[in-house]
């Protein structure tokens, strides 16, 4: 997936560590973003029987903590890929 994005001229970071600070204490890399595209789109990749509300909540938390506006939750364990894509927006 990331190779085709690179061919389109987009910047892609895989497994990007996100460091958090709480009350002056650096918590280190609290989580890792599967893909960060053009420093604005978070992509969370799953291969589950079905996506759960927990998965969407996880992506929304990542969006809020990074201040990014948009994320995609992609589940590859579906018959038709378009059925496995959920768009999540921060702040709406």
PDB file of N, CA and C in Angstrom:
ATOM      1  N   UNK A   1       0.823  -1.190   0.000  1.00  0.00           N
ATOM      2  CA  UNK A   1       0.000   0.000   0.000  1.00  0.00           C
ATOM      3  C   UNK A   1       0.867   1.254   0.000  1.00  0.00           C
ATOM      4  N   UNK A   2       1.875   1.305   0.879  1.00  0.00           N
ATOM      5  CA  UNK A   2       2.662   2.524   0.978  1.00  0.00           C
ATOM      6  C   UNK A   2       3.491   2.785  -0.275  1.00  0.00           C
ATOM      7  N   UNK A   3       3.886   1.722  -0.989  1.00  0.00           N
ATOM      8  CA  UNK A   3       4.667   1.913  -2.208  1.00  0.00           C
ATOM      9  C   UNK A   3       3.853   2.640  -3.269  1.00  0.00           C
ATOM     10  N   UNK A   4       2.580   2.275  -3.423  1.00  0.00           N
ATOM     11  CA  UNK A   4       1.761   2.948  -4.427  1.00  0.00           C
ATOM     12  C   UNK A   4       1.496   4.403  -4.032  1.00  0.00           C
ATOM     13  N   UNK A   5       1.426   4.682  -2.742  1.00  0.00           N
ATOM     14  CA  UNK A   5       1.262   6.067  -2.299  1.00  0.00           C
ATOM     15  C   UNK A   5       2.520   6.877  -2.594  1.00  0.00           C
ATOM     16  N   UNK A   6       3.676   6.260  -2.397  1.00  0.00           N
ATOM     17  CA  UNK A   6       4.939   6.942  -2.701  1.00  0.00           C
ATOM     18  C   UNK A   6       5.055   7.251  -4.192  1.00  0.00           C
ATOM     19  N   UNK A   7       4.595   6.318  -5.024  1.00  0.00           N
ATOM     20  CA  UNK A   7       4.642   6.541  -6.465  1.00  0.00           C
ATOM     21  C   UNK A   7       3.757   7.707  -6.888  1.00  0.00           C
ATOM     22  N   UNK A   8       2.749   8.011  -6.089  1.00  0.00           N
ATOM     23  CA  UNK A   8       1.862   9.142  -6.377  1.00  0.00           C
ATOM     24  C   UNK A   8       2.405  10.460  -5.824  1.00  0.00           C
ATOM     25  N   UNK A   9       3.603  10.420  -5.242  1.00  0.00           N
ATOM     26  CA  UNK A   9       4.236  11.635  -4.743  1.00  0.00           C
ATOM     27  C   UNK A   9       3.824  12.017  -3.326  1.00  0.00           C
ATOM     28  N   UNK A  10       3.218  11.097  -2.591  1.00  0.00           N
ATOM     29  CA  UNK A  10       2.812  11.375  -1.215  1.00  0.00           C
ATOM     30  C   UNK A  10       3.905  10.931  -0.252  1.00  0.00           C
ATOM     31  N   UNK A  11       4.013  11.607   0.874  1.00  0.00           N
ATOM     32  CA  UNK A  11       4.945  11.170   1.902  1.00  0.00           C
ATOM     33  C   UNK A  11       4.218  10.205   2.830  1.00  0.00           C
ATOM     34  N   UNK A  12       4.882   9.120   3.159  1.00  0.00           N
ATOM     35  CA  UNK A  12       4.276   8.071   3.979  1.00  0.00           C
ATOM     36  C   UNK A  12       5.258   7.666   5.067  1.00  0.00           C
ATOM     37  N   UNK A  13       4.779   7.669   6.308  1.00  0.00           N
ATOM     38  CA  UNK A  13       5.580   7.168   7.422  1.00  0.00           C
ATOM     39  C   UNK A  13       4.867   5.945   7.970  1.00  0.00           C
ATOM     40  N   UNK A  14       5.613   4.855   8.129  1.00  0.00           N
ATOM     41  CA  UNK A  14       5.035   3.608   8.644  1.00  0.00           C
ATOM     42  C   UNK A  14       5.456   3.408  10.086  1.00  0.00           C
ATOM     43  N   UNK A  15       4.530   2.904  10.902  1.00  0.00           N
ATOM     44  CA  UNK A  15       4.784   2.630  12.307  1.00  0.00           C
ATOM     45  C   UNK A  15       5.408   3.844  13.011  1.00  0.00           C
ATOM     46  N   UNK A  16       4.793   5.008  12.790  1.00  0.00           N
ATOM     47  CA  UNK A  16       5.303   6.251  13.371  1.00  0.00           C
ATOM     48  C   UNK A  16       4.986   6.293  14.860  1.00  0.00           C
ATOM     49  N   UNK A  17       6.032   6.407  15.654  1.00  0.00           N
ATOM     50  CA  UNK A  17       5.868   6.487  17.104  1.00  0.00           C
ATOM     51  C   UNK A  17       5.369   7.880  17.487  1.00  0.00           C
ATOM     52  N   UNK A  18       4.430   7.916  18.408  1.00  0.00           N
ATOM     53  CA  UNK A  18       3.891   9.179  18.906  1.00  0.00           C
ATOM     54  C   UNK A  18       4.240   9.271  20.387  1.00  0.00           C
ATOM     55  N   UNK A  19       4.972  10.317  20.732  1.00  0.00           N
ATOM     56  CA  UNK A  19       5.392  10.529  22.115  1.00  0.00           C
ATOM     57  C   UNK A  19       4.399  11.440  22.802  1.00  0.00           C
ATOM     58  N   UNK A  20       4.043  11.100  24.020  1.00  0.00           N
ATOM     59  CA  UNK A  20       3.087  11.887  24.784  1.00  0.00           C
ATOM     60  C   UNK A  20       3.741  12.445  26.034  1.00  0.00           C
ATOM     61  N   UNK A  21       3.235  13.613  26.440  1.00  0.00           N
ATOM     62  CA  UNK A  21       3.680  14.223  27.680  1.00  0.00           C
ATOM     63  C   UNK A  21       2.446  14.516  28.519  1.00  0.00           C
ATOM     64  N   UNK A  22       2.486  14.117  29.784  1.00  0.00           N
ATOM     65  CA  UNK A  22       1.365  14.344  30.687  1.00  0.00           C
ATOM     66  C   UNK A  22       1.891  14.949  31.976  1.00  0.00           C
ATOM     67  N   UNK A  23       1.435  16.159  32.288  1.00  0.00           N
ATOM     68  CA  UNK A  23       1.844  16.882  33.492  1.00  0.00           C
ATOM     69  C   UNK A  23       3.361  16.956  33.624  1.00  0.00           C
ATOM     70  N   UNK A  24       4.011  17.229  32.497  1.00  0.00           N
ATOM     71  CA  UNK A  24       5.456  17.395  32.492  1.00  0.00           C
ATOM     72  C   UNK A  24       6.257  16.109  32.424  1.00  0.00           C
ATOM     73  N   UNK A  25       5.591  14.987  32.418  1.00  0.00           N
ATOM     74  CA  UNK A  25       6.283  13.694  32.352  1.00  0.00           C
ATOM     75  C   UNK A  25       6.133  13.132  30.946  1.00  0.00           C
ATOM     76  N   UNK A  26       7.261  12.852  30.309  1.00  0.00           N
ATOM     77  CA  UNK A  26       7.229  12.273  28.971  1.00  0.00           C
ATOM     78  C   UNK A  26       6.971  10.775  29.104  1.00  0.00           C
ATOM     79  N   UNK A  27       5.905  10.318  28.481  1.00  0.00           N
ATOM     80  CA  UNK A  27       5.497   8.915  28.581  1.00  0.00           C
ATOM     81  C   UNK A  27       6.137   8.043  27.508  1.00  0.00           C
ATOM     82  N   UNK A  28       6.949   8.627  26.669  1.00  0.00           N
ATOM     83  CA  UNK A  28       7.596   7.853  25.615  1.00  0.00           C
ATOM     84  C   UNK A  28       6.651   7.612  24.455  1.00  0.00           C
ATOM     85  N   UNK A  29       6.979   6.606  23.665  1.00  0.00           N
ATOM     86  CA  UNK A  29       6.123   6.314  22.513  1.00  0.00           C
ATOM     87  C   UNK A  29       4.912   5.521  22.998  1.00  0.00           C
ATOM     88  N   UNK A  30       3.853   6.248  23.278  1.00  0.00           N
ATOM     89  CA  UNK A  30       2.638   5.676  23.848  1.00  0.00           C
ATOM     90  C   UNK A  30       1.901   4.785  22.844  1.00  0.00           C
ATOM     91  N   UNK A  31       1.996   5.134  21.569  1.00  0.00           N
ATOM     92  CA  UNK A  31       1.366   4.304  20.548  1.00  0.00           C
ATOM     93  C   UNK A  31       2.060   4.531  19.222  1.00  0.00           C
ATOM     94  N   UNK A  32       1.740   3.693  18.260  1.00  0.00           N
ATOM     95  CA  UNK A  32       2.320   3.797  16.917  1.00  0.00           C
ATOM     96  C   UNK A  32       1.200   3.856  15.891  1.00  0.00           C
ATOM     97  N   UNK A  33       1.342   4.797  14.983  1.00  0.00           N
ATOM     98  CA  UNK A  33       0.386   4.964  13.887  1.00  0.00           C
ATOM     99  C   UNK A  33       0.820   4.023  12.767  1.00  0.00           C
ATOM    100  N   UNK A  34      -0.110   3.217  12.254  1.00  0.00           N
ATOM    101  CA  UNK A  34       0.250   2.282  11.182  1.00  0.00           C
ATOM    102  C   UNK A  34       0.805   3.035   9.976  1.00  0.00           C
ATOM    103  N   UNK A  35       0.041   4.003   9.465  1.00  0.00           N
ATOM    104  CA  UNK A  35       0.509   4.837   8.350  1.00  0.00           C
ATOM    105  C   UNK A  35       0.112   6.286   8.615  1.00  0.00           C
ATOM    106  N   UNK A  36       1.037   7.202   8.353  1.00  0.00           N
ATOM    107  CA  UNK A  36       0.750   8.627   8.392  1.00  0.00           C
ATOM    108  C   UNK A  36       1.059   9.167   7.006  1.00  0.00           C
ATOM    109  N   UNK A  37       0.025   9.627   6.313  1.00  0.00           N
ATOM    110  CA  UNK A  37       0.161  10.066   4.922  1.00  0.00           C
ATOM    111  C   UNK A  37       0.120  11.594   4.881  1.00  0.00           C
ATOM    112  N   UNK A  38       1.151  12.173   4.266  1.00  0.00           N
ATOM    113  CA  UNK A  38       1.268  13.629   4.095  1.00  0.00           C
ATOM    114  C   UNK A  38       1.077  14.391   5.409  1.00  0.00           C
ATOM    115  N   UNK A  39       1.507  13.802   6.495  1.00  0.00           N
ATOM    116  CA  UNK A  39       1.442  14.418   7.827  1.00  0.00           C
ATOM    117  C   UNK A  39       0.040  14.897   8.178  1.00  0.00           C
ATOM    118  N   UNK A  40      -1.000  14.251   7.626  1.00  0.00           N
ATOM    119  CA  UNK A  40      -2.351  14.682   7.924  1.00  0.00           C
ATOM    120  C   UNK A  40      -3.387  13.582   8.001  1.00  0.00           C
ATOM    121  N   UNK A  41      -3.148  12.469   7.345  1.00  0.00           N
ATOM    122  CA  UNK A  41      -4.109  11.375   7.304  1.00  0.00           C
ATOM    123  C   UNK A  41      -3.539  10.176   8.055  1.00  0.00           C
ATOM    124  N   UNK A  42      -4.243   9.744   9.101  1.00  0.00           N
ATOM    125  CA  UNK A  42      -3.857   8.546   9.834  1.00  0.00           C
ATOM    126  C   UNK A  42      -4.582   7.362   9.244  1.00  0.00           C
ATOM    127  N   UNK A  43      -3.861   6.264   9.045  1.00  0.00           N
ATOM    128  CA  UNK A  43      -4.462   5.044   8.530  1.00  0.00           C
ATOM    129  C   UNK A  43      -4.184   3.936   9.532  1.00  0.00           C
ATOM    130  N   UNK A  44      -5.235   3.358  10.050  1.00  0.00           N
ATOM    131  CA  UNK A  44      -5.135   2.232  10.978  1.00  0.00           C
ATOM    132  C   UNK A  44      -5.563   0.981  10.221  1.00  0.00           C
ATOM    133  N   UNK A  45      -4.699  -0.027  10.203  1.00  0.00           N
ATOM    134  CA  UNK A  45      -4.930  -1.225   9.414  1.00  0.00           C
ATOM    135  C   UNK A  45      -5.288  -2.391  10.329  1.00  0.00           C
ATOM    136  N   UNK A  46      -6.334  -3.112   9.946  1.00  0.00           N
ATOM    137  CA  UNK A  46      -6.786  -4.286  10.702  1.00  0.00           C
ATOM    138  C   UNK A  46      -7.005  -5.448   9.743  1.00  0.00           C
ATOM    139  N   UNK A  47      -7.018  -6.650  10.318  1.00  0.00           N
ATOM    140  CA  UNK A  47      -7.395  -7.852   9.584  1.00  0.00           C
ATOM    141  C   UNK A  47      -8.249  -8.685  10.536  1.00  0.00           C
ATOM    142  N   UNK A  48      -9.407  -8.158  10.860  1.00  0.00           N
ATOM    143  CA  UNK A  48     -10.295  -8.770  11.849  1.00  0.00           C
ATOM    144  C   UNK A  48     -11.562  -9.281  11.181  1.00  0.00           C
ATOM    145  N   UNK A  49     -12.261 -10.193  11.871  1.00  0.00           N
ATOM    146  CA  UNK A  49     -13.531 -10.699  11.353  1.00  0.00           C
ATOM    147  C   UNK A  49     -14.493  -9.551  11.063  1.00  0.00           C
ATOM    148  N   UNK A  50     -14.502  -8.577  11.973  1.00  0.00           N
ATOM    149  CA  UNK A  50     -15.311  -7.373  11.775  1.00  0.00           C
ATOM    150  C   UNK A  50     -14.671  -6.255  12.580  1.00  0.00           C
ATOM    151  N   UNK A  51     -14.872  -5.029  12.139  1.00  0.00           N
ATOM    152  CA  UNK A  51     -14.372  -3.915  12.930  1.00  0.00           C
ATOM    153  C   UNK A  51     -15.368  -3.630  14.045  1.00  0.00           C
ATOM    154  N   UNK A  52     -14.831  -3.340  15.185  1.00  0.00           N
ATOM    155  CA  UNK A  52     -15.640  -3.098  16.375  1.00  0.00           C
ATOM    156  C   UNK A  52     -15.625  -1.613  16.723  1.00  0.00           C
ATOM    157  N   UNK A  53     -16.568  -1.162  17.523  1.00  0.00           N
ATOM    158  CA  UNK A  53     -16.525   0.229  17.985  1.00  0.00           C
ATOM    159  C   UNK A  53     -15.204   0.562  18.675  1.00  0.00           C
ATOM    160  N   UNK A  54     -14.578  -0.433  19.293  1.00  0.00           N
ATOM    161  CA  UNK A  54     -13.281  -0.245  19.924  1.00  0.00           C
ATOM    162  C   UNK A  54     -12.229   0.215  18.918  1.00  0.00           C
ATOM    163  N   UNK A  55     -12.247  -0.337  17.717  1.00  0.00           N
ATOM    164  CA  UNK A  55     -11.279   0.035  16.686  1.00  0.00           C
ATOM    165  C   UNK A  55     -11.469   1.489  16.260  1.00  0.00           C
ATOM    166  N   UNK A  56     -12.725   1.905  16.089  1.00  0.00           N
ATOM    167  CA  UNK A  56     -12.995   3.298  15.726  1.00  0.00           C
ATOM    168  C   UNK A  56     -12.600   4.239  16.855  1.00  0.00           C
ATOM    169  N   UNK A  57     -12.859   3.826  18.097  1.00  0.00           N
ATOM    170  CA  UNK A  57     -12.482   4.640  19.253  1.00  0.00           C
ATOM    171  C   UNK A  57     -10.969   4.788  19.342  1.00  0.00           C
ATOM    172  N   UNK A  58     -10.249   3.718  19.027  1.00  0.00           N
ATOM    173  CA  UNK A  58      -8.789   3.768  19.018  1.00  0.00           C
ATOM    174  C   UNK A  58      -8.297   4.793  18.008  1.00  0.00           C
ATOM    175  N   UNK A  59      -8.829   4.755  16.793  1.00  0.00           N
ATOM    176  CA  UNK A  59      -8.432   5.692  15.753  1.00  0.00           C
ATOM    177  C   UNK A  59      -8.801   7.115  16.145  1.00  0.00           C
ATOM    178  N   UNK A  60      -9.977   7.318  16.696  1.00  0.00           N
ATOM    179  CA  UNK A  60     -10.397   8.654  17.114  1.00  0.00           C
ATOM    180  C   UNK A  60      -9.485   9.186  18.220  1.00  0.00           C
ATOM    181  N   UNK A  61      -9.071   8.336  19.126  1.00  0.00           N
ATOM    182  CA  UNK A  61      -8.124   8.745  20.173  1.00  0.00           C
ATOM    183  C   UNK A  61      -6.808   9.181  19.556  1.00  0.00           C
ATOM    184  N   UNK A  62      -6.303   8.414  18.600  1.00  0.00           N
ATOM    185  CA  UNK A  62      -5.067   8.788  17.907  1.00  0.00           C
ATOM    186  C   UNK A  62      -5.214  10.154  17.228  1.00  0.00           C
ATOM    187  N   UNK A  63      -6.359  10.375  16.581  1.00  0.00           N
ATOM    188  CA  UNK A  63      -6.597  11.650  15.912  1.00  0.00           C
ATOM    189  C   UNK A  63      -6.585  12.797  16.920  1.00  0.00           C
ATOM    190  N   UNK A  64      -7.264  12.620  18.036  1.00  0.00           N
ATOM    191  CA  UNK A  64      -7.335  13.681  19.044  1.00  0.00           C
ATOM    192  C   UNK A  64      -5.976  13.971  19.652  1.00  0.00           C
ATOM    193  N   UNK A  65      -5.214  12.921  19.960  1.00  0.00           N
ATOM    194  CA  UNK A  65      -3.909  13.120  20.595  1.00  0.00           C
ATOM    195  C   UNK A  65      -2.894  13.772  19.663  1.00  0.00           C
ATOM    196  N   UNK A  66      -3.017  13.524  18.367  1.00  0.00           N
ATOM    197  CA  UNK A  66      -2.076  14.113  17.408  1.00  0.00           C
ATOM    198  C   UNK A  66      -2.582  15.421  16.813  1.00  0.00           C
ATOM    199  N   UNK A  67      -3.880  15.698  16.989  1.00  0.00           N
ATOM    200  CA  UNK A  67      -4.453  16.902  16.398  1.00  0.00           C
ATOM    201  C   UNK A  67      -4.681  16.801  14.902  1.00  0.00           C
ATOM    202  N   UNK A  68      -4.657  15.601  14.386  1.00  0.00           N
ATOM    203  CA  UNK A  68      -4.884  15.399  12.952  1.00  0.00           C
ATOM    204  C   UNK A  68      -6.385  15.361  12.678  1.00  0.00           C
ATOM    205  N   UNK A  69      -6.808  15.794  11.489  1.00  0.00           N
ATOM    206  CA  UNK A  69      -8.238  15.914  11.219  1.00  0.00           C
ATOM    207  C   UNK A  69      -8.937  14.656  10.700  1.00  0.00           C
ATOM    208  N   UNK A  70      -8.193  13.749  10.061  1.00  0.00           N
ATOM    209  CA  UNK A  70      -8.868  12.673   9.330  1.00  0.00           C
ATOM    210  C   UNK A  70      -8.125  11.354   9.465  1.00  0.00           C
ATOM    211  N   UNK A  71      -8.914  10.274   9.559  1.00  0.00           N
ATOM    212  CA  UNK A  71      -8.321   8.953   9.638  1.00  0.00           C
ATOM    213  C   UNK A  71      -9.135   7.939   8.865  1.00  0.00           C
ATOM    214  N   UNK A  72      -8.474   6.878   8.449  1.00  0.00           N
ATOM    215  CA  UNK A  72      -9.133   5.764   7.784  1.00  0.00           C
ATOM    216  C   UNK A  72      -8.859   4.498   8.579  1.00  0.00           C
ATOM    217  N   UNK A  73      -9.915   3.754   8.833  1.00  0.00           N
ATOM    218  CA  UNK A  73      -9.809   2.440   9.445  1.00  0.00           C
ATOM    219  C   UNK A  73     -10.053   1.439   8.328  1.00  0.00           C
ATOM    220  N   UNK A  74      -9.026   0.656   8.000  1.00  0.00           N
ATOM    221  CA  UNK A  74      -9.127  -0.271   6.876  1.00  0.00           C
ATOM    222  C   UNK A  74      -9.010  -1.706   7.394  1.00  0.00           C
ATOM    223  N   UNK A  75     -10.051  -2.489   7.147  1.00  0.00           N
ATOM    224  CA  UNK A  75     -10.064  -3.901   7.507  1.00  0.00           C
ATOM    225  C   UNK A  75      -9.898  -4.713   6.223  1.00  0.00           C
ATOM    226  N   UNK A  76      -8.808  -5.453   6.147  1.00  0.00           N
ATOM    227  CA  UNK A  76      -8.534  -6.235   4.945  1.00  0.00           C
ATOM    228  C   UNK A  76      -9.207  -7.603   4.954  1.00  0.00           C
ATOM    229  N   UNK A  77      -9.863  -7.956   6.042  1.00  0.00           N
ATOM    230  CA  UNK A  77     -10.512  -9.266   6.129  1.00  0.00           C
ATOM    231  C   UNK A  77     -11.979  -9.158   5.694  1.00  0.00           C
ATOM    232  N   UNK A  78     -12.185  -8.658   4.487  1.00  0.00           N
ATOM    233  CA  UNK A  78     -13.526  -8.534   3.911  1.00  0.00           C
ATOM    234  C   UNK A  78     -13.477  -9.032   2.470  1.00  0.00           C
ATOM    235  N   UNK A  79     -14.632  -9.398   1.958  1.00  0.00           N
ATOM    236  CA  UNK A  79     -14.695  -9.898   0.585  1.00  0.00           C
ATOM    237  C   UNK A  79     -14.433  -8.780  -0.426  1.00  0.00           C
ATOM    238  N   UNK A  80     -15.039  -7.615  -0.204  1.00  0.00           N
ATOM    239  CA  UNK A  80     -14.853  -6.457  -1.080  1.00  0.00           C
ATOM    240  C   UNK A  80     -14.221  -5.350  -0.240  1.00  0.00           C
ATOM    241  N   UNK A  81     -13.059  -4.860  -0.642  1.00  0.00           N
ATOM    242  CA  UNK A  81     -12.293  -3.928   0.177  1.00  0.00           C
ATOM    243  C   UNK A  81     -13.080  -2.677   0.551  1.00  0.00           C
ATOM    244  N   UNK A  82     -13.894  -2.156  -0.346  1.00  0.00           N
ATOM    245  CA  UNK A  82     -14.639  -0.937  -0.042  1.00  0.00           C
ATOM    246  C   UNK A  82     -15.555  -1.121   1.166  1.00  0.00           C
ATOM    247  N   UNK A  83     -15.960  -2.362   1.454  1.00  0.00           N
ATOM    248  CA  UNK A  83     -16.788  -2.634   2.618  1.00  0.00           C
ATOM    249  C   UNK A  83     -15.987  -2.588   3.911  1.00  0.00           C
ATOM    250  N   UNK A  84     -14.669  -2.627   3.810  1.00  0.00           N
ATOM    251  CA  UNK A  84     -13.822  -2.635   4.993  1.00  0.00           C
ATOM    252  C   UNK A  84     -13.189  -1.289   5.316  1.00  0.00           C
ATOM    253  N   UNK A  85     -13.640  -0.217   4.660  1.00  0.00           N
ATOM    254  CA  UNK A  85     -13.038   1.100   4.879  1.00  0.00           C
ATOM    255  C   UNK A  85     -14.026   1.993   5.619  1.00  0.00           C
ATOM    256  N   UNK A  86     -13.563   2.553   6.743  1.00  0.00           N
ATOM    257  CA  UNK A  86     -14.364   3.506   7.525  1.00  0.00           C
ATOM    258  C   UNK A  86     -13.591   4.803   7.643  1.00  0.00           C
ATOM    259  N   UNK A  87     -14.254   5.909   7.402  1.00  0.00           N
ATOM    260  CA  UNK A  87     -13.652   7.235   7.515  1.00  0.00           C
ATOM    261  C   UNK A  87     -14.012   7.809   8.883  1.00  0.00           C
ATOM    262  N   UNK A  88     -13.015   8.304   9.611  1.00  0.00           N
ATOM    263  CA  UNK A  88     -13.234   8.865  10.930  1.00  0.00           C
ATOM    264  C   UNK A  88     -12.695  10.290  10.922  1.00  0.00           C
ATOM    265  N   UNK A  89     -13.530  11.229  11.397  1.00  0.00           N
ATOM    266  CA  UNK A  89     -13.160  12.646  11.385  1.00  0.00           C
ATOM    267  C   UNK A  89     -13.031  13.134  12.819  1.00  0.00           C
ATOM    268  N   UNK A  90     -11.987  13.858  13.091  1.00  0.00           N
ATOM    269  CA  UNK A  90     -11.743  14.425  14.409  1.00  0.00           C
ATOM    270  C   UNK A  90     -12.514  15.735  14.543  1.00  0.00           C
ATOM    271  N   UNK A  91     -13.308  15.853  15.591  1.00  0.00           N
ATOM    272  CA  UNK A  91     -13.971  17.123  15.871  1.00  0.00           C
ATOM    273  C   UNK A  91     -15.377  17.256  15.323  1.00  0.00           C
ATOM    274  N   UNK A  92     -15.941  16.215  14.751  1.00  0.00           N
ATOM    275  CA  UNK A  92     -17.302  16.299  14.239  1.00  0.00           C
ATOM    276  C   UNK A  92     -18.215  15.358  14.994  1.00  0.00           C
TER     277      UNK A  92
END
